[in-house]
Amino acid sequence: MKDSIKNIVFDSAENGIITSGKITELGLHRSVLQELLVSGEIIQNSRGIYTMADEWEDEYSILQHKYRRGIYSHETALYLLGYSERIPLNLHMTFPSGYNSAGVKKDNIIVTRVIEENYAIGLAVVKSPYDNEVYAYDLERSLCDVLRGNRQDIQTVQYAMKKYAVSKDKDINKLMTYAERLRVTSKVRKYMEILL
C-alpha cells in the first residue's frame, strides 16, 4: 500500500478510530482496511469500526461510534463528569423511543429509552477517561436520571448529590427545570432540602 493512502487513512482517524464509512467517504476502496488489518496497523473492534494498533482502546469512544444515537447517561454520565467514585461495570446509554437496541444489549450496555422531546435535554460533550470527546448528559440531567425509577444505587446518588450541593458550578434553577420535565421534582427537592 502506498504511504500516501496510509497517511490519508491515519489522518482521517477520529480519536484513533476509523470506520469503513469514512473510508468510502474518502473515496478509497474498503480493501485498504483489509491491507491495514493484515499488516497489523489497525485492529477491528466490531463490524466497520477499527482502531489504530498503537492507540489505547477507548471503549467509551468506540461504543459512541458504534451507537451514534446513544448518549451516556445515569451512573456512566456521573462517572464521566467526576461525580461518581465507581467505574461503571456496565455502561449506560439513553436512546430515543423506538430505537432497536438488540445489538446494544449484546455489548452489555444498560439501555434506557426516552420520548423524543426529552432525548436531547441536557446533551453535552464530555471527555472519556482517555481524553476523547463523547456525548453524555450534563450534571443536572444525570442527577435527575439516577433518581428516576426504583433501581438507583443509593451510595452513588448520595455521593453525587452531596458533591453537587457544595459545588460552585451548581445550577439549581436548571436542576429544578429538568426535574419538573422528567417528573422527579419531589425526589430532587427532598435531597436539596437536606443538603442546602
Protein backbone atom coordinates (compact mmCIF):
# COMPACT_ATOMS: atom_id res chain seq x y z
CA MET A 1 0.00 0.00 0.00
CA LYS A 2 1.24 3.47 -0.84
CA ASP A 3 2.29 5.61 2.10
CA SER A 4 0.11 8.47 0.78
CA ILE A 5 -3.04 6.32 1.08
CA LYS A 6 -2.00 5.12 4.53
CA ASN A 7 -1.43 8.74 5.61
CA ILE A 8 -4.88 9.73 4.35
CA VAL A 9 -6.45 6.91 6.39
CA PHE A 10 -4.49 7.70 9.56
CA ASP A 11 -5.05 11.47 9.26
CA SER A 12 -8.79 10.82 8.95
CA ALA A 13 -8.96 8.72 12.11
CA GLU A 14 -11.10 10.32 14.79
CA ASN A 15 -9.81 9.63 18.32
CA GLY A 16 -7.74 6.79 16.84
CA ILE A 17 -10.85 5.25 15.25
CA ILE A 18 -11.52 4.78 11.56
CA THR A 19 -14.76 3.42 10.13
CA SER A 20 -15.48 1.70 6.85
CA GLY A 21 -17.97 4.50 6.16
CA LYS A 22 -15.20 7.08 6.49
CA ILE A 23 -13.04 5.10 4.03
CA THR A 24 -15.87 5.18 1.49
CA GLU A 25 -16.40 8.90 2.16
CA LEU A 26 -12.71 9.48 1.38
CA GLY A 27 -13.19 7.78 -1.99
CA LEU A 28 -10.98 4.83 -1.07
CA HIS A 29 -11.76 1.15 -1.62
CA ARG A 30 -12.52 -0.80 1.54
CA SER A 31 -9.75 -3.25 0.66
CA VAL A 32 -7.45 -0.61 2.20
CA LEU A 33 -8.80 -1.66 5.59
CA GLN A 34 -8.06 -5.32 4.90
CA GLU A 35 -4.46 -4.46 3.98
CA LEU A 36 -4.01 -2.45 7.17
CA LEU A 37 -5.53 -5.31 9.20
CA VAL A 38 -3.16 -7.88 7.66
CA SER A 39 -0.15 -5.61 8.27
CA GLY A 40 -1.20 -5.20 11.93
CA GLU A 41 -1.52 -1.42 11.73
CA ILE A 42 -5.23 -1.41 12.68
CA ILE A 43 -7.41 -3.66 14.82
CA GLN A 44 -11.04 -4.46 14.11
CA ASN A 45 -13.24 -3.71 17.14
CA SER A 46 -16.57 -4.52 15.56
CA ARG A 47 -18.15 -4.57 12.16
CA GLY A 48 -16.98 -1.45 10.32
CA ILE A 49 -15.07 0.05 13.27
CA TYR A 50 -11.29 -0.09 13.55
CA THR A 51 -8.68 1.41 15.87
CA MET A 52 -5.06 2.23 15.22
CA ALA A 53 -2.88 -0.55 16.65
CA ASP A 54 -0.71 1.91 18.59
CA GLU A 55 -3.69 3.64 20.29
CA TRP A 56 -5.21 2.75 23.66
CA GLU A 57 -8.61 1.17 23.17
CA ASP A 58 -11.19 3.65 24.43
CA GLU A 59 -14.38 1.65 25.00
CA TYR A 60 -16.41 4.84 25.50
CA SER A 61 -15.34 6.32 22.16
CA ILE A 62 -15.71 3.02 20.28
CA LEU A 63 -19.25 2.48 21.55
CA GLN A 64 -20.11 6.11 20.73
CA HIS A 65 -19.04 5.46 17.13
CA LYS A 66 -20.94 2.20 17.01
CA TYR A 67 -24.15 3.61 18.52
CA ARG A 68 -24.25 7.20 17.32
CA ARG A 69 -27.72 7.85 18.79
CA GLY A 70 -26.60 6.69 22.23
CA ILE A 71 -25.91 9.27 24.92
CA TYR A 72 -24.03 8.23 28.05
CA SER A 73 -26.38 8.65 30.98
CA HIS A 74 -27.15 7.76 34.60
CA GLU A 75 -24.17 6.45 36.62
CA THR A 76 -21.97 6.39 33.50
CA ALA A 77 -22.51 10.10 32.89
CA LEU A 78 -21.89 10.87 36.56
CA TYR A 79 -18.59 8.97 36.34
CA LEU A 80 -17.55 10.86 33.19
CA LEU A 81 -18.43 14.15 34.91
CA GLY A 82 -16.41 13.29 38.01
CA TYR A 83 -19.46 12.80 40.24
CA SER A 84 -19.07 9.09 40.93
CA GLU A 85 -16.28 7.27 42.68
CA ARG A 86 -17.13 4.00 40.97
CA ILE A 87 -16.07 2.96 37.50
CA PRO A 88 -19.27 1.60 35.92
CA LEU A 89 -19.31 -2.18 35.44
CA ASN A 90 -21.78 -1.80 32.59
CA LEU A 91 -22.05 1.40 30.60
CA HIS A 92 -25.44 3.09 30.48
CA MET A 93 -26.74 4.81 27.33
CA THR A 94 -30.03 6.53 26.57
CA PHE A 95 -31.69 6.27 23.16
CA PRO A 96 -34.84 7.77 21.68
CA SER A 97 -38.02 5.67 21.91
CA GLY A 98 -38.33 3.16 19.10
CA TYR A 99 -34.57 2.66 18.74
CA ASN A 100 -33.76 -1.01 18.05
CA SER A 101 -31.40 -1.91 20.87
CA ALA A 102 -30.79 -5.62 20.17
CA GLY A 103 -27.14 -5.02 19.23
CA VAL A 104 -26.62 -2.61 22.12
CA LYS A 105 -27.63 -5.24 24.68
CA LYS A 106 -25.11 -7.69 23.19
CA ASP A 107 -22.40 -5.17 24.15
CA ASN A 108 -23.66 -5.31 27.78
CA ILE A 109 -24.86 -1.72 27.69
CA ILE A 110 -27.72 -0.80 30.00
CA VAL A 111 -30.34 0.79 27.75
CA THR A 112 -32.86 3.48 28.62
CA ARG A 113 -35.30 4.83 26.07
CA VAL A 114 -36.96 8.23 26.36
CA ILE A 115 -39.53 10.13 24.35
CA GLU A 116 -38.07 12.32 21.62
CA GLU A 117 -38.94 15.56 23.47
CA ASN A 118 -36.74 14.52 26.42
CA TYR A 119 -33.94 12.87 24.44
CA ALA A 120 -31.78 15.99 23.86
CA ILE A 121 -32.39 17.71 27.21
CA GLY A 122 -29.01 18.30 28.82
CA LEU A 123 -26.95 16.88 25.96
CA ALA A 124 -23.26 17.73 26.42
CA VAL A 125 -19.87 16.82 25.02
CA VAL A 126 -17.54 15.45 27.70
CA LYS A 127 -14.15 13.74 27.82
CA SER A 128 -13.80 9.99 28.14
CA PRO A 129 -11.17 8.60 30.55
CA TYR A 130 -8.84 8.53 27.51
CA ASP A 131 -9.48 12.22 26.77
CA ASN A 132 -11.68 11.64 23.72
CA GLU A 133 -14.92 13.56 23.23
CA VAL A 134 -18.17 11.62 23.71
CA TYR A 135 -21.82 12.55 24.23
CA ALA A 136 -23.23 12.43 27.74
CA TYR A 137 -25.94 14.21 29.64
CA ASP A 138 -24.90 17.20 31.73
CA LEU A 139 -24.76 17.04 35.51
CA GLU A 140 -28.27 18.26 36.25
CA ARG A 141 -29.84 15.84 33.77
CA SER A 142 -27.74 12.95 35.09
CA LEU A 143 -28.81 13.68 38.68
CA CYS A 144 -32.46 13.60 37.60
CA ASP A 145 -31.91 10.38 35.64
CA VAL A 146 -30.41 8.48 38.58
CA LEU A 147 -33.42 9.44 40.71
CA ARG A 148 -35.94 8.08 38.20
CA GLY A 149 -37.31 4.60 38.74
CA ASN A 150 -36.51 2.25 41.59
CA ARG A 151 -33.10 0.91 40.54
CA GLN A 152 -30.85 3.67 41.82
CA ASP A 153 -27.68 2.89 43.73
CA ILE A 154 -28.22 4.93 46.88
CA GLN A 155 -24.48 5.38 47.58
CA THR A 156 -23.84 6.75 44.09
CA VAL A 157 -26.84 9.09 44.35
CA GLN A 158 -25.83 10.38 47.80
CA TYR A 159 -22.21 10.95 46.76
CA ALA A 160 -23.24 12.84 43.59
CA MET A 161 -25.90 14.93 45.38
CA LYS A 162 -23.55 15.89 48.24
CA LYS A 163 -20.81 16.88 45.81
CA TYR A 164 -23.32 18.85 43.72
CA ALA A 165 -24.67 20.68 46.77
CA VAL A 166 -21.23 22.11 47.61
CA SER A 167 -20.17 22.77 44.00
CA LYS A 168 -19.74 26.40 42.96
CA ASP A 169 -20.90 25.39 39.47
CA LYS A 170 -24.30 24.06 40.55
CA ASP A 171 -27.34 25.47 38.76
CA ILE A 172 -30.36 24.82 40.96
CA ASN A 173 -32.75 26.52 38.51
CA LYS A 174 -31.64 24.19 35.72
CA LEU A 175 -31.84 21.18 38.05
CA MET A 176 -35.40 22.01 39.07
CA THR A 177 -36.44 22.73 35.45
CA TYR A 178 -35.11 19.31 34.40
CA ALA A 179 -36.68 17.67 37.46
CA GLU A 180 -40.09 19.05 36.55
CA ARG A 181 -39.74 17.99 32.92
CA LEU A 182 -38.53 14.49 33.87
CA ARG A 183 -41.06 14.15 36.72
CA VAL A 184 -38.69 13.75 39.65
CA THR A 185 -39.33 17.10 41.33
CA SER A 186 -40.26 15.68 44.74
CA LYS A 187 -37.17 13.44 44.87
CA VAL A 188 -34.82 16.26 43.84
CA ARG A 189 -36.44 18.70 46.27
CA LYS A 190 -36.07 16.21 49.14
CA TYR A 191 -32.30 15.92 48.53
CA MET A 192 -31.83 19.65 48.06
CA GLU A 193 -33.75 20.50 51.27
CA ILE A 194 -31.47 18.19 53.26
CA LEU A 195 -28.21 19.24 51.62
CA LEU A 196 -28.61 23.01 51.09
